[in-house]
PDB file of all heavy atoms in Angstrom:
ATOM      1  N   LEU A   1     102.302-103.960 -39.509  1.00  0.00           N
ATOM      2  CA  LEU A   1     101.816-103.354 -40.748  1.00  0.00           C
ATOM      3  C   LEU A   1     102.173-101.879 -40.822  1.00  0.00           C
ATOM      4  O   LEU A   1     102.561-101.371 -41.877  1.00  0.00           O
ATOM      5  CB  LEU A   1     100.308-103.558 -40.876  1.00  0.00           C
ATOM      6  CG  LEU A   1      99.868-105.007 -41.114  1.00  0.00           C
ATOM      7  CD1 LEU A   1      98.357-105.135 -40.986  1.00  0.00           C
ATOM      8  CD2 LEU A   1     100.340-105.500 -42.459  1.00  0.00           C
ATOM      9  N   ILE A   2     102.069-101.184 -39.706  1.00  0.00           N
ATOM     10  CA  ILE A   2     102.443 -99.769 -39.674  1.00  0.00           C
ATOM     11  C   ILE A   2     103.942 -99.627 -39.914  1.00  0.00           C
ATOM     12  O   ILE A   2     104.380 -98.777 -40.691  1.00  0.00           O
ATOM     13  CB  ILE A   2     102.021 -99.111 -38.341  1.00  0.00           C
ATOM     14  CG1 ILE A   2     100.493 -99.025 -38.272  1.00  0.00           C
ATOM     15  CG2 ILE A   2     102.645 -97.724 -38.188  1.00  0.00           C
ATOM     16  CD1 ILE A   2      99.944 -98.626 -36.920  1.00  0.00           C
ATOM     17  N   SER A   3     104.734-100.480 -39.287  1.00  0.00           N
ATOM     18  CA  SER A   3     106.186-100.440 -39.475  1.00  0.00           C
ATOM     19  C   SER A   3     106.580-100.714 -40.919  1.00  0.00           C
ATOM     20  O   SER A   3     107.578-100.190 -41.405  1.00  0.00           O
ATOM     21  CB  SER A   3     106.874-101.457 -38.560  1.00  0.00           C
ATOM     22  OG  SER A   3     106.693-101.109 -37.217  1.00  0.00           O
ATOM     23  N   ASP A   4     105.791-101.536 -41.604  1.00  0.00           N
ATOM     24  CA  ASP A   4     106.066-101.847 -43.008  1.00  0.00           C
ATOM     25  C   ASP A   4     105.580-100.749 -43.950  1.00  0.00           C
ATOM     26  O   ASP A   4     105.727-100.870 -45.159  1.00  0.00           O
ATOM     27  CB  ASP A   4     105.405-103.172 -43.408  1.00  0.00           C
ATOM     28  CG  ASP A   4     106.137-104.378 -42.856  1.00  0.00           C
ATOM     29  OD1 ASP A   4     107.296-104.230 -42.421  1.00  0.00           O
ATOM     30  OD2 ASP A   4     105.552-105.481 -42.873  1.00  0.00           O
ATOM     31  N   GLY A   5     104.975 -99.695 -43.410  1.00  0.00           N
ATOM     32  CA  GLY A   5     104.563 -98.556 -44.222  1.00  0.00           C
ATOM     33  C   GLY A   5     103.158 -98.630 -44.788  1.00  0.00           C
ATOM     34  O   GLY A   5     102.801 -97.847 -45.658  1.00  0.00           O
ATOM     35  N   HIS A   6     102.348 -99.565 -44.291  1.00  0.00           N
ATOM     36  CA  HIS A   6     100.967 -99.647 -44.762  1.00  0.00           C
ATOM     37  C   HIS A   6     100.164 -98.467 -44.220  1.00  0.00           C
ATOM     38  O   HIS A   6     100.365 -98.028 -43.090  1.00  0.00           O
ATOM     39  CB  HIS A   6     100.313-100.956 -44.284  1.00  0.00           C
ATOM     40  CG  HIS A   6     100.877-102.168 -44.936  1.00  0.00           C
ATOM     41  ND1 HIS A   6     100.328-102.733 -46.049  1.00  0.00           N
ATOM     42  CD2 HIS A   6     101.963-102.925 -44.625  1.00  0.00           C
ATOM     43  CE1 HIS A   6     101.038-103.785 -46.403  1.00  0.00           C
ATOM     44  NE2 HIS A   6     102.046-103.921 -45.546  1.00  0.00           N
ATOM     45  N   HIS A   7      99.264 -97.965 -45.053  1.00  0.00           N
ATOM     46  CA  HIS A   7      98.368 -96.898 -44.601  1.00  0.00           C
ATOM     47  C   HIS A   7      97.342 -97.485 -43.646  1.00  0.00           C
ATOM     48  O   HIS A   7      96.969 -98.655 -43.756  1.00  0.00           O
ATOM     49  CB  HIS A   7      97.653 -96.268 -45.798  1.00  0.00           C
ATOM     50  CG  HIS A   7      98.588 -95.548 -46.708  1.00  0.00           C
ATOM     51  ND1 HIS A   7      99.147 -94.336 -46.400  1.00  0.00           N
ATOM     52  CD2 HIS A   7      99.075 -95.879 -47.927  1.00  0.00           C
ATOM     53  CE1 HIS A   7      99.936 -93.945 -47.379  1.00  0.00           C
ATOM     54  NE2 HIS A   7      99.914 -94.869 -48.329  1.00  0.00           N
ATOM     55  N   LEU A   8      96.868 -96.662 -42.717  1.00  0.00           N
ATOM     56  CA  LEU A   8      95.838 -97.115 -41.786  1.00  0.00           C
ATOM     57  C   LEU A   8      94.588 -97.520 -42.562  1.00  0.00           C
ATOM     58  O   LEU A   8      94.269 -96.920 -43.588  1.00  0.00           O
ATOM     59  CB  LEU A   8      95.516 -96.016 -40.779  1.00  0.00           C
ATOM     60  CG  LEU A   8      96.640 -95.671 -39.803  1.00  0.00           C
ATOM     61  CD1 LEU A   8      96.234 -94.488 -38.930  1.00  0.00           C
ATOM     62  CD2 LEU A   8      97.006 -96.863 -38.943  1.00  0.00           C
ATOM     63  N   PRO A   9      93.895 -98.523 -42.065  1.00  0.00           N
ATOM     64  CA  PRO A   9      92.713 -98.997 -42.783  1.00  0.00           C
ATOM     65  C   PRO A   9      91.607 -97.944 -42.814  1.00  0.00           C
ATOM     66  O   PRO A   9      91.479 -97.130 -41.905  1.00  0.00           O
ATOM     67  CB  PRO A   9      92.278-100.225 -41.987  1.00  0.00           C
ATOM     68  CG  PRO A   9      92.901-100.081 -40.656  1.00  0.00           C
ATOM     69  CD  PRO A   9      94.136 -99.277 -40.845  1.00  0.00           C
ATOM     70  N   ALA A  10      90.816 -98.021 -43.879  1.00  0.00           N
ATOM     71  CA  ALA A  10      89.687 -97.102 -44.039  1.00  0.00           C
ATOM     72  C   ALA A  10      88.535 -97.875 -44.661  1.00  0.00           C
ATOM     73  O   ALA A  10      88.675 -99.039 -45.040  1.00  0.00           O
ATOM     74  CB  ALA A  10      90.090 -95.937 -44.931  1.00  0.00           C
ATOM     75  N   GLY A  11      87.390 -97.234 -44.732  1.00  0.00           N
ATOM     76  CA  GLY A  11      86.238 -97.828 -45.398  1.00  0.00           C
ATOM     77  C   GLY A  11      85.751 -99.107 -44.731  1.00  0.00           C
ATOM     78  O   GLY A  11      85.671 -99.187 -43.505  1.00  0.00           O
ATOM     79  N   ARG A  12      85.443-100.102 -45.554  1.00  0.00           N
ATOM     80  CA  ARG A  12      84.886-101.354 -45.027  1.00  0.00           C
ATOM     81  C   ARG A  12      85.866-102.088 -44.140  1.00  0.00           C
ATOM     82  O   ARG A  12      85.465-102.719 -43.159  1.00  0.00           O
ATOM     83  CB  ARG A  12      84.427-102.264 -46.168  1.00  0.00           C
ATOM     84  CG  ARG A  12      83.110-101.833 -46.762  1.00  0.00           C
ATOM     85  CD  ARG A  12      82.536-102.881 -47.660  1.00  0.00           C
ATOM     86  NE  ARG A  12      83.342-103.065 -48.847  1.00  0.00           N
ATOM     87  CZ  ARG A  12      82.870-103.069 -50.077  1.00  0.00           C
ATOM     88  NH1 ARG A  12      81.590-102.934 -50.293  1.00  0.00           N
ATOM     89  NH2 ARG A  12      83.675-103.226 -51.108  1.00  0.00           N
ATOM     90  N   VAL A  13      87.164-101.994 -44.446  1.00  0.00           N
ATOM     91  CA  VAL A  13      88.152-102.677 -43.609  1.00  0.00           C
ATOM     92  C   VAL A  13      88.129-102.085 -42.200  1.00  0.00           C
ATOM     93  O   VAL A  13      88.116-102.822 -41.205  1.00  0.00           O
ATOM     94  CB  VAL A  13      89.561-102.603 -44.229  1.00  0.00           C
ATOM     95  CG1 VAL A  13      90.607-103.170 -43.286  1.00  0.00           C
ATOM     96  CG2 VAL A  13      89.590-103.342 -45.573  1.00  0.00           C
ATOM     97  N   ALA A  14      88.088-100.774 -42.101  1.00  0.00           N
ATOM     98  CA  ALA A  14      88.026-100.125 -40.788  1.00  0.00           C
ATOM     99  C   ALA A  14      86.729-100.488 -40.068  1.00  0.00           C
ATOM    100  O   ALA A  14      86.742-100.744 -38.853  1.00  0.00           O
ATOM    101  CB  ALA A  14      88.145 -98.617 -40.940  1.00  0.00           C
ATOM    102  N   ALA A  15      85.629-100.536 -40.791  1.00  0.00           N
ATOM    103  CA  ALA A  15      84.343-100.911 -40.187  1.00  0.00           C
ATOM    104  C   ALA A  15      84.378-102.358 -39.699  1.00  0.00           C
ATOM    105  O   ALA A  15      83.854-102.670 -38.623  1.00  0.00           O
ATOM    106  CB  ALA A  15      83.211-100.714 -41.186  1.00  0.00           C
ATOM    107  N   LEU A  16      84.999-103.231 -40.460  1.00  0.00           N
ATOM    108  CA  LEU A  16      85.134-104.629 -40.042  1.00  0.00           C
ATOM    109  C   LEU A  16      85.979-104.740 -38.775  1.00  0.00           C
ATOM    110  O   LEU A  16      85.652-105.499 -37.865  1.00  0.00           O
ATOM    111  CB  LEU A  16      85.772-105.467 -41.152  1.00  0.00           C
ATOM    112  CG  LEU A  16      84.868-105.884 -42.284  1.00  0.00           C
ATOM    113  CD1 LEU A  16      85.689-106.416 -43.450  1.00  0.00           C
ATOM    114  CD2 LEU A  16      83.884-106.944 -41.807  1.00  0.00           C
ATOM    115  N   ILE A  17      87.067-103.993 -38.718  1.00  0.00           N
ATOM    116  CA  ILE A  17      87.922-104.012 -37.525  1.00  0.00           C
ATOM    117  C   ILE A  17      87.111-103.602 -36.309  1.00  0.00           C
ATOM    118  O   ILE A  17      87.154-104.259 -35.263  1.00  0.00           O
ATOM    119  CB  ILE A  17      89.149-103.098 -37.721  1.00  0.00           C
ATOM    120  CG1 ILE A  17      90.082-103.708 -38.768  1.00  0.00           C
ATOM    121  CG2 ILE A  17      89.881-102.879 -36.398  1.00  0.00           C
ATOM    122  CD1 ILE A  17      91.187-102.774 -39.231  1.00  0.00           C
ATOM    123  N   ASP A  18      86.357-102.513 -36.432  1.00  0.00           N
ATOM    124  CA  ASP A  18      85.524-102.054 -35.313  1.00  0.00           C
ATOM    125  C   ASP A  18      84.518-103.127 -34.896  1.00  0.00           C
ATOM    126  O   ASP A  18      84.353-103.403 -33.706  1.00  0.00           O
ATOM    127  CB  ASP A  18      84.779-100.769 -35.678  1.00  0.00           C
ATOM    128  CG  ASP A  18      85.689 -99.557 -35.776  1.00  0.00           C
ATOM    129  OD1 ASP A  18      86.806 -99.588 -35.205  1.00  0.00           O
ATOM    130  OD2 ASP A  18      85.285 -98.573 -36.424  1.00  0.00           O
ATOM    131  N   ALA A  19      83.849-103.724 -35.866  1.00  0.00           N
ATOM    132  CA  ALA A  19      82.834-104.732 -35.568  1.00  0.00           C
ATOM    133  C   ALA A  19      83.459-105.968 -34.920  1.00  0.00           C
ATOM    134  O   ALA A  19      82.920-106.506 -33.948  1.00  0.00           O
ATOM    135  CB  ALA A  19      82.088-105.131 -36.837  1.00  0.00           C
ATOM    136  N   LEU A  20      84.601-106.407 -35.434  1.00  0.00           N
ATOM    137  CA  LEU A  20      85.264-107.583 -34.863  1.00  0.00           C
ATOM    138  C   LEU A  20      85.765-107.317 -33.451  1.00  0.00           C
ATOM    139  O   LEU A  20      85.657-108.174 -32.569  1.00  0.00           O
ATOM    140  CB  LEU A  20      86.420-108.028 -35.766  1.00  0.00           C
ATOM    141  CG  LEU A  20      86.014-108.624 -37.112  1.00  0.00           C
ATOM    142  CD1 LEU A  20      87.227-108.757 -38.020  1.00  0.00           C
ATOM    143  CD2 LEU A  20      85.322-109.965 -36.916  1.00  0.00           C
ATOM    144  N   GLU A  21      86.310-106.123 -33.223  1.00  0.00           N
ATOM    145  CA  GLU A  21      86.785-105.784 -31.882  1.00  0.00           C
ATOM    146  C   GLU A  21      85.628-105.664 -30.890  1.00  0.00           C
ATOM    147  O   GLU A  21      85.740-106.093 -29.748  1.00  0.00           O
ATOM    148  CB  GLU A  21      87.622-104.505 -31.925  1.00  0.00           C
ATOM    149  CG  GLU A  21      88.975-104.737 -32.572  1.00  0.00           C
ATOM    150  CD  GLU A  21      89.815-103.484 -32.697  1.00  0.00           C
ATOM    151  OE1 GLU A  21      89.256-102.354 -32.665  1.00  0.00           O
ATOM    152  OE2 GLU A  21      91.036-103.631 -32.849  1.00  0.00           O
ATOM    153  N   GLN A  22      84.500-105.106 -31.320  1.00  0.00           N
ATOM    154  CA  GLN A  22      83.329-105.014 -30.439  1.00  0.00           C
ATOM    155  C   GLN A  22      82.789-106.396 -30.103  1.00  0.00           C
ATOM    156  O   GLN A  22      82.426-106.665 -28.963  1.00  0.00           O
ATOM    157  CB  GLN A  22      82.241-104.159 -31.091  1.00  0.00           C
ATOM    158  CG  GLN A  22      82.559-102.690 -31.112  1.00  0.00           C
ATOM    159  CD  GLN A  22      81.492-101.881 -31.826  1.00  0.00           C
ATOM    160  OE1 GLN A  22      80.406-102.366 -32.121  1.00  0.00           O
ATOM    161  NE2 GLN A  22      81.808-100.631 -32.124  1.00  0.00           N
ATOM    162  N   ALA A  23      82.751-107.266 -31.097  1.00  0.00           N
ATOM    163  CA  ALA A  23      82.275-108.636 -30.863  1.00  0.00           C
ATOM    164  C   ALA A  23      83.201-109.362 -29.901  1.00  0.00           C
ATOM    165  O   ALA A  23      82.741-110.074 -29.001  1.00  0.00           O
ATOM    166  CB  ALA A  23      82.180-109.392 -32.186  1.00  0.00           C
ATOM    167  N   ASP A  24      84.506-109.169 -30.067  1.00  0.00           N
ATOM    168  CA  ASP A  24      85.466-109.816 -29.173  1.00  0.00           C
ATOM    169  C   ASP A  24      85.288-109.322 -27.739  1.00  0.00           C
ATOM    170  O   ASP A  24      85.309-110.112 -26.795  1.00  0.00           O
ATOM    171  CB  ASP A  24      86.891-109.549 -29.648  1.00  0.00           C
ATOM    172  CG  ASP A  24      87.918-110.255 -28.783  1.00  0.00           C
ATOM    173  OD1 ASP A  24      87.829-111.492 -28.629  1.00  0.00           O
ATOM    174  OD2 ASP A  24      88.815-109.565 -28.242  1.00  0.00           O
ATOM    175  N   GLN A  25      85.082-108.017 -27.564  1.00  0.00           N
ATOM    176  CA  GLN A  25      84.881-107.461 -26.222  1.00  0.00           C
ATOM    177  C   GLN A  25      83.589-107.970 -25.604  1.00  0.00           C
ATOM    178  O   GLN A  25      83.526-108.223 -24.405  1.00  0.00           O
ATOM    179  CB  GLN A  25      84.885-105.939 -26.268  1.00  0.00           C
ATOM    180  CG  GLN A  25      86.248-105.369 -26.536  1.00  0.00           C
ATOM    181  CD  GLN A  25      86.225-103.859 -26.689  1.00  0.00           C
ATOM    182  OE1 GLN A  25      85.182-103.220 -26.612  1.00  0.00           O
ATOM    183  NE2 GLN A  25      87.387-103.275 -26.920  1.00  0.00           N
ATOM    184  N   ALA A  26      82.554-108.140 -26.420  1.00  0.00           N
ATOM    185  CA  ALA A  26      81.270-108.626 -25.907  1.00  0.00           C
ATOM    186  C   ALA A  26      81.378-110.093 -25.486  1.00  0.00           C
ATOM    187  O   ALA A  26      80.790-110.504 -24.481  1.00  0.00           O
ATOM    188  CB  ALA A  26      80.181-108.474 -26.960  1.00  0.00           C
ATOM    189  N   LEU A  27      82.153-110.861 -26.231  1.00  0.00           N
ATOM    190  CA  LEU A  27      82.311-112.286 -25.918  1.00  0.00           C
ATOM    191  C   LEU A  27      83.355-112.546 -24.856  1.00  0.00           C
ATOM    192  O   LEU A  27      83.313-113.566 -24.180  1.00  0.00           O
ATOM    193  CB  LEU A  27      82.669-113.069 -27.191  1.00  0.00           C
ATOM    194  CG  LEU A  27      81.599-113.094 -28.266  1.00  0.00           C
ATOM    195  CD1 LEU A  27      82.147-113.722 -29.544  1.00  0.00           C
ATOM    196  CD2 LEU A  27      80.369-113.872 -27.781  1.00  0.00           C
ATOM    197  N   ASN A  28      84.298-111.615 -24.709  1.00  0.00           N
ATOM    198  CA  ASN A  28      85.393-111.770 -23.751  1.00  0.00           C
ATOM    199  C   ASN A  28      85.566-110.503 -22.940  1.00  0.00           C
ATOM    200  O   ASN A  28      86.532-109.759 -23.127  1.00  0.00           O
ATOM    201  CB  ASN A  28      86.697-112.090 -24.496  1.00  0.00           C
ATOM    202  CG  ASN A  28      86.591-113.315 -25.346  1.00  0.00           C
ATOM    203  OD1 ASN A  28      86.367-114.393 -24.837  1.00  0.00           O
ATOM    204  ND2 ASN A  28      86.757-113.158 -26.649  1.00  0.00           N
ATOM    205  N   PRO A  29      84.638-110.237 -22.019  1.00  0.00           N
ATOM    206  CA  PRO A  29      84.746-108.986 -21.235  1.00  0.00           C
ATOM    207  C   PRO A  29      86.026-108.994 -20.392  1.00  0.00           C
ATOM    208  O   PRO A  29      86.533-110.057 -20.020  1.00  0.00           O
ATOM    209  CB  PRO A  29      83.508-109.011 -20.350  1.00  0.00           C
ATOM    210  CG  PRO A  29      83.015-110.399 -20.365  1.00  0.00           C
ATOM    211  CD  PRO A  29      83.527-111.052 -21.616  1.00  0.00           C
TER     212      PRO A  29
END
């Protein structure tokens, strides 16, 4: 996505990414 020129996520999308990554780390240490 970065290579295709997309801007970095912000707002709710960024918050969702953080939440999903934290959940993944908690479930898969």
